[in-house]
Amino acid sequence: MKKYTVILAAIAASALSYSAQATPIIYGSVGFGGGTFQADGDPSTPAGLTGAANITSVSGESIETGTGSFAALVPPNDALNPSELTPVFSTPISLAVNSYGSSGILLFTVVNGSDTYYFYDTATMGSVASYISGVAVGWTIDGSGYVDEYSGDSLIGQSYPGLWSIGLNATSGDSIEFQGDDSSPETVPDGGLTVVLLGGALVGLQAFRRKLFC
């Protein structure tokens, strides 16, 4: 029986190790506003929108709203300079419907002190042009994706898949939002932990059976 006690103690230690390695969940939504953009269409039209296939630059937006994990980033909750919390886009951004697989492509990053949030696009679901008096002034682009948070080279947060929306408007400024799960658990479950706990239960059951029948 002593041998099984030692085995169970080792399994419990492994379970604690797996639990400690679970990655915290990023949950909630975050929104940015303001800024300007340019597209690769006719440069003589507002923001080069006529005939555009890609957004070639997006800049100057600042964080405005945040819930869940992002709430602490919104001034005055965040003591850092708000200009630091500005999305930096990986352009060009295609206006076409595209699927990029589960890993996705980098859409934009946001730096907060020593931490960096990486917002990924897994699928661009569509884009709609905005018009004023028959003149194109912007686009609304929607898609799905997820967020990773890194401190240096260490992954310290992950989100479940969510939805993103980019509203670009040459006359009224831009609006960018990522909407994640508002009720996510605190950590991403680690499949290894389930295996370890199951193994512990089986070893314990075997020890109990031998004690009964020996």
Protein backbone atom coordinates (compact mmCIF):
# COMPACT_ATOMS: atom_id res chain seq x y z
CA MET A 1 0.00 0.00 0.00
CA LYS A 2 2.94 2.27 0.75
CA LYS A 3 4.04 1.95 -2.89
CA TYR A 4 0.63 3.18 -4.12
CA THR A 5 0.73 6.09 -1.69
CA VAL A 6 4.05 7.18 -3.22
CA ILE A 7 2.63 6.78 -6.75
CA LEU A 8 -0.47 8.82 -5.90
CA ALA A 9 1.70 11.54 -4.34
CA ALA A 10 3.75 11.73 -7.54
CA ILE A 11 0.58 11.96 -9.63
CA ALA A 12 -0.79 14.73 -7.42
CA ALA A 13 2.45 16.67 -7.85
CA SER A 14 2.21 16.25 -11.65
CA ALA A 15 -1.40 17.44 -11.58
CA LEU A 16 -0.38 20.57 -9.70
CA SER A 17 2.37 21.14 -12.25
CA TYR A 18 -0.12 20.87 -15.15
CA SER A 19 -2.51 23.20 -13.38
CA ALA A 20 0.22 25.78 -12.87
CA GLN A 21 1.00 25.66 -16.60
CA ALA A 22 -2.58 26.46 -17.69
CA THR A 23 -2.73 29.74 -19.61
CA PRO A 24 -5.04 32.48 -18.27
CA ILE A 25 -8.05 33.30 -20.41
CA ILE A 26 -8.43 36.71 -22.04
CA TYR A 27 -12.12 37.56 -22.08
CA GLY A 28 -14.40 40.51 -22.75
CA SER A 29 -14.31 43.17 -25.46
CA VAL A 30 -12.15 46.14 -26.38
CA GLY A 31 -12.84 49.12 -28.62
CA PHE A 32 -10.69 51.81 -30.26
CA GLY A 33 -11.72 55.04 -31.99
CA GLY A 34 -10.44 58.01 -33.97
CA GLY A 35 -7.59 57.76 -36.43
CA THR A 36 -7.29 57.75 -40.20
CA PHE A 37 -6.86 55.24 -43.00
CA GLN A 38 -5.87 54.94 -46.64
CA ALA A 39 -6.84 52.42 -49.34
CA ASP A 40 -5.17 51.37 -52.59
CA GLY A 41 -7.83 52.68 -54.95
CA ASP A 42 -8.10 55.92 -56.92
CA PRO A 43 -6.03 58.50 -54.97
CA SER A 44 -8.25 61.32 -56.24
CA THR A 45 -11.23 59.93 -54.28
CA PRO A 46 -11.76 60.16 -50.48
CA ALA A 47 -9.16 57.90 -48.83
CA GLY A 48 -8.54 56.26 -52.23
CA LEU A 49 -11.68 54.14 -51.93
CA THR A 50 -12.90 53.85 -55.51
CA GLY A 51 -11.78 50.49 -56.89
CA ALA A 52 -9.90 49.64 -53.68
CA ALA A 53 -9.00 46.03 -52.90
CA ASN A 54 -6.97 46.61 -49.72
CA ILE A 55 -6.67 49.01 -46.82
CA THR A 56 -3.03 50.10 -46.96
CA SER A 57 -2.73 52.01 -43.68
CA VAL A 58 -4.66 52.48 -40.45
CA SER A 59 -3.23 54.74 -37.76
CA GLY A 60 -3.96 57.09 -34.88
CA GLU A 61 -6.71 55.15 -33.07
CA SER A 62 -6.76 55.05 -29.27
CA ILE A 63 -8.45 52.78 -26.76
CA GLU A 64 -11.93 53.91 -25.68
CA THR A 65 -13.79 50.97 -24.12
CA GLY A 66 -12.94 47.68 -22.47
CA THR A 67 -14.69 44.96 -20.49
CA GLY A 68 -13.43 41.81 -18.76
CA SER A 69 -9.67 41.39 -19.16
CA PHE A 70 -9.48 44.63 -21.17
CA ALA A 71 -11.20 46.86 -18.57
CA ALA A 72 -7.91 47.59 -16.79
CA LEU A 73 -6.45 49.00 -20.01
CA VAL A 74 -8.93 51.87 -20.33
CA PRO A 75 -7.85 55.23 -18.88
CA PRO A 76 -7.98 56.22 -16.08
CA ASN A 77 -7.69 52.57 -14.95
CA ASP A 78 -4.40 52.31 -16.84
CA ALA A 79 -1.74 54.67 -15.54
CA LEU A 80 0.30 54.46 -18.74
CA ASN A 81 0.19 57.03 -21.50
CA PRO A 82 -3.02 56.28 -23.46
CA SER A 83 -1.12 56.77 -26.72
CA GLU A 84 0.75 53.56 -25.90
CA LEU A 85 -2.52 51.64 -26.17
CA THR A 86 -2.84 52.25 -29.90
CA PRO A 87 -3.42 49.42 -32.39
CA VAL A 88 -0.58 48.99 -34.86
CA PHE A 89 -1.91 47.25 -37.96
CA SER A 90 -0.29 44.67 -40.17
CA THR A 91 -1.33 46.06 -43.54
CA PRO A 92 -2.54 45.62 -46.17
CA ILE A 93 -5.95 44.50 -44.92
CA SER A 94 -7.84 42.71 -47.66
CA LEU A 95 -11.44 43.77 -48.33
CA ALA A 96 -12.19 40.35 -49.84
CA VAL A 97 -13.74 37.37 -48.07
CA ASN A 98 -10.88 35.13 -46.90
CA SER A 99 -10.26 32.22 -44.54
CA TYR A 100 -6.84 31.92 -42.92
CA GLY A 101 -7.20 28.71 -40.90
CA SER A 102 -7.16 28.28 -37.13
CA SER A 103 -3.78 30.03 -36.71
CA GLY A 104 -4.90 33.05 -38.73
CA ILE A 105 -2.85 36.05 -39.77
CA LEU A 106 -1.81 38.99 -37.61
CA LEU A 107 -4.33 41.83 -37.83
CA PHE A 108 -2.88 44.30 -35.31
CA THR A 109 -0.93 44.56 -32.05
CA VAL A 110 -1.41 46.68 -28.95
CA VAL A 111 1.47 47.39 -26.54
CA ASN A 112 0.79 47.89 -22.83
CA GLY A 113 4.05 48.39 -20.93
CA SER A 114 6.02 45.13 -21.16
CA ASP A 115 2.99 43.23 -22.51
CA THR A 116 1.85 42.97 -26.13
CA TYR A 117 -1.58 41.87 -27.32
CA TYR A 118 -1.67 40.15 -30.72
CA PHE A 119 -5.04 40.27 -32.49
CA TYR A 120 -5.38 37.60 -35.20
CA ASP A 121 -7.75 37.34 -38.16
CA THR A 122 -8.86 33.75 -38.84
CA ALA A 123 -11.54 34.69 -41.37
CA THR A 124 -12.60 37.94 -43.05
CA MET A 125 -16.34 37.45 -43.45
CA GLY A 126 -17.16 40.48 -45.55
CA SER A 127 -16.83 44.20 -46.18
CA VAL A 128 -19.42 46.87 -46.95
CA ALA A 129 -18.69 50.30 -48.39
CA SER A 130 -20.15 53.45 -46.79
CA TYR A 131 -21.39 56.31 -48.95
CA ILE A 132 -22.34 59.96 -48.45
CA SER A 133 -24.20 61.58 -51.36
CA GLY A 134 -23.09 58.77 -53.62
CA VAL A 135 -19.41 59.18 -52.71
CA ALA A 136 -17.57 56.32 -50.97
CA VAL A 137 -16.22 57.49 -47.61
CA GLY A 138 -15.34 54.26 -45.83
CA TRP A 139 -15.67 50.54 -45.23
CA THR A 140 -16.95 48.23 -42.54
CA ILE A 141 -14.97 44.97 -42.40
CA ASP A 142 -16.05 42.06 -40.19
CA GLY A 143 -14.37 38.81 -39.29
CA SER A 144 -13.45 36.26 -36.66
CA GLY A 145 -10.24 35.84 -34.73
CA TYR A 146 -8.56 35.56 -31.35
CA VAL A 147 -6.09 37.34 -29.05
CA ASP A 148 -2.75 36.24 -27.55
CA GLU A 149 -0.99 38.22 -24.82
CA TYR A 150 2.78 38.01 -24.45
CA SER A 151 5.21 39.38 -21.90
CA GLY A 152 8.48 39.35 -23.81
CA ASP A 153 8.62 35.89 -25.37
CA SER A 154 6.29 34.28 -22.81
CA LEU A 155 2.64 33.59 -23.60
CA ILE A 156 0.64 34.85 -20.61
CA GLY A 157 -2.92 34.99 -21.97
CA GLN A 158 -5.17 33.52 -24.66
CA SER A 159 -8.72 34.22 -25.76
CA TYR A 160 -11.35 31.90 -27.13
CA PRO A 161 -12.38 32.70 -30.74
CA GLY A 162 -14.25 35.99 -31.01
CA LEU A 163 -15.44 38.52 -33.57
CA TRP A 164 -13.76 41.69 -34.77
CA SER A 165 -15.12 44.66 -36.66
CA ILE A 166 -13.26 47.54 -38.29
CA GLY A 167 -15.29 50.60 -39.26
CA LEU A 168 -13.26 53.00 -41.40
CA ASN A 169 -14.67 56.42 -42.22
CA ALA A 170 -12.81 59.26 -43.91
CA THR A 171 -15.20 61.87 -42.48
CA SER A 172 -15.96 60.74 -38.92
CA GLY A 173 -12.98 58.64 -37.84
CA ASP A 174 -12.48 54.93 -37.35
CA SER A 175 -14.02 52.40 -34.97
CA ILE A 176 -12.28 49.10 -34.18
CA GLU A 177 -13.64 46.41 -31.86
CA PHE A 178 -12.83 42.88 -30.76
CA GLN A 179 -15.70 41.05 -29.04
CA GLY A 180 -14.67 37.98 -27.05
CA ASP A 181 -16.43 35.71 -24.58
CA ASP A 182 -17.69 37.70 -21.58
CA SER A 183 -18.10 34.62 -19.38
CA SER A 184 -14.88 32.69 -20.00
CA PRO A 185 -13.16 30.77 -17.17
CA GLU A 186 -9.98 32.18 -15.67
CA THR A 187 -7.64 29.63 -17.29
CA VAL A 188 -7.55 27.52 -20.42
CA PRO A 189 -8.09 23.88 -19.36
CA ASP A 190 -5.06 21.70 -20.02
CA GLY A 191 -5.93 18.32 -21.55
CA GLY A 192 -2.91 16.79 -19.84
CA LEU A 193 -4.42 17.51 -16.44
CA THR A 194 -7.46 15.39 -17.29
CA VAL A 195 -5.21 12.47 -18.26
CA VAL A 196 -3.16 12.77 -15.07
CA LEU A 197 -6.22 12.87 -12.84
CA LEU A 198 -7.75 9.91 -14.66
CA GLY A 199 -4.53 7.95 -14.19
CA GLY A 200 -4.55 8.82 -10.50
CA ALA A 201 -8.08 7.58 -10.13
CA LEU A 202 -7.24 4.26 -11.85
CA VAL A 203 -4.15 3.68 -9.68
CA GLY A 204 -6.15 4.48 -6.57
CA LEU A 205 -8.90 2.10 -7.61
CA GLN A 206 -6.38 -0.69 -8.25
CA ALA A 207 -4.81 -0.16 -4.83
CA PHE A 208 -8.23 -0.26 -3.18
CA ARG A 209 -9.14 -3.51 -5.03
CA ARG A 210 -5.89 -5.20 -3.93
CA LYS A 211 -6.51 -4.21 -0.34
CA LEU A 212 -10.00 -5.72 -0.48
CA PHE A 213 -9.08 -8.99 -2.17
CA CYS A 214 -5.62 -9.75 -0.77
